[in-house]
Protein backbone atom coordinates (compact mmCIF):
# COMPACT_ATOMS: atom_id res chain seq x y z
CA UNK A 1 0.00 0.00 0.00
CA UNK A 2 1.23 3.50 -0.70
CA UNK A 3 2.42 5.83 2.04
CA UNK A 4 -0.47 8.23 2.72
CA UNK A 5 0.65 11.83 3.35
CA UNK A 6 -1.57 14.83 4.03
CA UNK A 7 0.27 18.14 3.62
CA UNK A 8 -1.66 20.98 5.29
CA UNK A 9 -0.75 24.26 3.56
CA UNK A 10 1.57 22.49 1.11
CA UNK A 11 1.49 25.09 -1.66
CA UNK A 12 1.91 23.81 -5.19
CA UNK A 13 3.60 20.55 -4.23
CA UNK A 14 7.30 21.28 -3.79
CA UNK A 15 7.55 18.91 -0.81
CA UNK A 16 5.77 16.22 -2.82
CA UNK A 17 8.38 16.55 -5.56
CA UNK A 18 11.15 16.33 -2.96
CA UNK A 19 9.65 13.23 -1.30
CA UNK A 20 9.04 11.46 -4.61
CA UNK A 21 12.61 12.20 -5.67
CA UNK A 22 14.01 10.67 -2.45
CA UNK A 23 12.03 7.42 -2.31
CA UNK A 24 11.09 4.48 -4.49
CA UNK A 25 7.97 3.83 -2.38
CA UNK A 26 4.54 4.50 -3.79
CA UNK A 27 3.11 7.71 -2.28
CA UNK A 28 -0.45 9.02 -2.11
CA UNK A 29 -0.06 12.75 -1.42
CA UNK A 30 -2.90 15.14 -0.58
CA UNK A 31 -2.34 18.87 -0.18
CA UNK A 32 -4.82 21.15 1.58
CA UNK A 33 -4.60 24.70 0.23
CA UNK A 34 -6.66 27.70 -0.77
CA UNK A 35 -8.87 27.64 -3.87
CA UNK A 36 -6.53 29.53 -6.20
CA UNK A 37 -3.54 27.31 -5.46
CA UNK A 38 -5.68 24.16 -5.73
CA UNK A 39 -6.98 25.16 -9.16
CA UNK A 40 -3.51 25.96 -10.52
CA UNK A 41 -1.82 22.94 -8.96
CA UNK A 42 -4.52 20.47 -10.02
CA UNK A 43 -3.95 21.67 -13.58
CA UNK A 44 -0.17 21.40 -13.17
CA UNK A 45 -0.42 17.81 -11.89
CA UNK A 46 -3.47 16.76 -13.96
CA UNK A 47 -1.64 13.68 -15.34
CA UNK A 48 -0.39 12.51 -11.92
CA UNK A 49 -2.87 10.44 -9.89
CA UNK A 50 -0.50 10.24 -6.88
CA UNK A 51 -1.09 13.86 -5.83
CA UNK A 52 -4.27 15.85 -5.33
CA UNK A 53 -5.13 19.31 -4.06
CA UNK A 54 -8.17 19.99 -1.88
CA UNK A 55 -9.57 23.08 -0.18
CA UNK A 56 -10.48 21.22 3.02
CA UNK A 57 -9.59 18.01 4.80
CA UNK A 58 -11.96 15.24 3.72
CA UNK A 59 -14.00 13.44 6.37
CA UNK A 60 -12.82 9.99 7.42
CA UNK A 61 -9.44 10.25 5.70
CA UNK A 62 -6.82 7.82 7.01
CA UNK A 63 -3.21 8.76 6.50
CA UNK A 64 0.23 7.81 7.78
CA UNK A 65 1.76 11.26 8.13
CA UNK A 66 0.19 14.68 8.56
CA UNK A 67 2.74 17.29 7.48
CA UNK A 68 2.37 20.96 8.50
CA UNK A 69 5.20 23.14 7.18
CA UNK A 70 5.56 26.87 7.77
CA UNK A 71 1.83 27.56 8.04
CA UNK A 72 0.78 27.67 11.71
CA UNK A 73 2.22 31.18 12.13
CA UNK A 74 -0.37 32.51 9.67
CA UNK A 75 -3.45 30.92 11.23
CA UNK A 76 -5.74 33.02 13.40
CA UNK A 77 -7.43 30.40 15.59
CA UNK A 78 -4.51 27.99 15.82
CA UNK A 79 -5.96 25.93 18.69
CA UNK A 80 -9.08 25.17 16.63
CA UNK A 81 -6.91 24.18 13.66
CA UNK A 82 -4.81 21.87 15.84
CA UNK A 83 -7.99 20.27 17.13
CA UNK A 84 -9.21 19.68 13.55
CA UNK A 85 -5.81 18.37 12.43
CA UNK A 86 -5.71 15.94 15.35
CA UNK A 87 -9.12 14.56 14.32
CA UNK A 88 -7.50 13.19 11.14
CA UNK A 89 -6.70 9.51 11.51
CA UNK A 90 -2.91 9.84 11.37
CA UNK A 91 -0.18 8.04 13.28
CA UNK A 92 2.22 11.00 13.01
CA UNK A 93 1.99 14.77 12.83
CA UNK A 94 5.11 16.65 11.78
CA UNK A 95 5.24 20.42 12.31
CA UNK A 96 8.17 21.86 10.38
CA UNK A 97 9.46 25.43 10.29
CA UNK A 98 7.33 26.28 13.33
CA UNK A 99 8.16 29.65 14.86
CA UNK A 100 8.25 28.41 18.44
CA UNK A 101 10.72 28.48 21.28
CA UNK A 102 11.32 29.54 24.85
CA UNK A 103 9.49 32.83 24.28
CA UNK A 104 6.04 34.20 25.14
CA UNK A 105 3.24 33.71 22.60
CA UNK A 106 2.93 36.89 20.53
CA UNK A 107 1.83 38.22 17.16
CA UNK A 108 3.77 40.65 15.01
CA UNK A 109 3.54 41.91 11.44
CA UNK A 110 5.65 40.36 8.72
CA UNK A 111 6.62 42.45 5.72
CA UNK A 112 6.21 40.20 2.70
CA UNK A 113 7.33 42.19 -0.32
CA UNK A 114 4.66 44.93 -0.49
CA UNK A 115 2.23 43.28 1.96
CA UNK A 116 1.99 43.27 5.73
CA UNK A 117 0.85 39.92 7.17
CA UNK A 118 0.06 38.97 10.79
CA UNK A 119 2.68 36.46 11.98
CA UNK A 120 2.32 34.41 15.17
CA UNK A 121 5.18 33.23 17.37
CA UNK A 122 4.58 30.41 19.84
CA UNK A 123 5.81 29.43 23.23
CA UNK A 124 6.97 25.92 22.33
CA UNK A 125 5.77 24.32 25.58
CA UNK A 126 2.23 25.73 25.21
CA UNK A 127 2.16 24.54 21.58
CA UNK A 128 3.25 21.04 22.60
CA UNK A 129 0.65 20.98 25.40
CA UNK A 130 -2.08 21.92 22.93
CA UNK A 131 -1.20 19.06 20.56
CA UNK A 132 -0.77 16.57 23.42
CA UNK A 133 -4.32 17.37 24.64
CA UNK A 134 -5.50 15.53 21.53
CA UNK A 135 -3.96 12.11 22.20
CA UNK A 136 -0.54 12.75 20.65
CA UNK A 137 2.87 12.52 22.31
CA UNK A 138 5.97 14.51 21.35
CA UNK A 139 8.64 12.26 19.79
CA UNK A 140 11.15 14.78 18.46
CA UNK A 141 11.94 18.44 19.02
CA UNK A 142 14.82 20.05 17.13
CA UNK A 143 15.94 23.28 15.51
CA UNK A 144 14.78 23.97 11.98
CA UNK A 145 17.09 26.07 9.86
CA UNK A 146 14.84 28.40 7.87
CA UNK A 147 16.73 30.16 5.08
CA UNK A 148 15.74 33.83 4.82
CA UNK A 149 16.23 35.36 1.39
CA UNK A 150 18.27 32.27 0.47
CA UNK A 151 20.68 32.62 3.39
CA UNK A 152 20.85 30.06 6.22
CA UNK A 153 21.50 31.83 9.48
CA UNK A 154 19.79 32.69 12.74
CA UNK A 155 16.42 34.34 12.29
CA UNK A 156 16.56 38.13 11.82
CA UNK A 157 14.74 39.12 15.00
CA UNK A 158 16.99 41.77 16.54
CA UNK A 159 14.15 44.28 16.13
CA UNK A 160 12.36 42.50 19.01
CA UNK A 161 13.22 42.68 22.70
CA UNK A 162 15.53 39.79 23.69
CA UNK A 163 12.76 37.83 25.47
CA UNK A 164 10.83 37.60 22.15
CA UNK A 165 13.74 36.57 19.92
CA UNK A 166 14.16 33.12 18.35
CA UNK A 167 17.43 31.94 16.89
CA UNK A 168 15.72 29.23 14.84
CA UNK A 169 12.27 27.90 14.07
CA UNK A 170 11.69 24.31 15.19
CA UNK A 171 10.54 20.90 14.06
CA UNK A 172 8.14 18.95 16.25
CA UNK A 173 7.15 15.34 15.55
CA UNK A 174 4.18 13.85 17.42
CA UNK A 175 2.89 10.27 17.44
CA UNK A 176 -0.67 9.26 18.26
CA UNK A 177 -0.95 7.45 21.58
CA UNK A 178 -1.93 3.80 21.17
């Protein structure tokens, strides 16, 4: 049976292409994204039945890995989203490029080219607690090196007071309790 992956906020499928390139295993890859990205990406991958793009998580989907990369910081009601993600029948949830650390929870504004976007930063322990409320247990916590403008270095956060600064985003891997 193919490895079932659900990629929440997976864009146009770059991680899918990376995973497929690195494995000989059969993969069934579902990406949850906004309508515009889904329409474009479904057209781009129209001849590939191993990947599909949906606007919302289907009911009763069973997957092996739920992948959430660099998206939680842009979600307003993050606790509700975690609750919904944890309802998916998945053995593992991997949060990658999560802006969390030994800092208070706070929201700032990110300048993204000509736009200003709300950007959330998490206290890592409160984030872990929220996921663990839903029958998951932390398996791995490590630094995630997030290149900024193509350069790998500590995050550019010197504009914040020291207590709000992160050196790196993080990766958190959770496994469903048996």
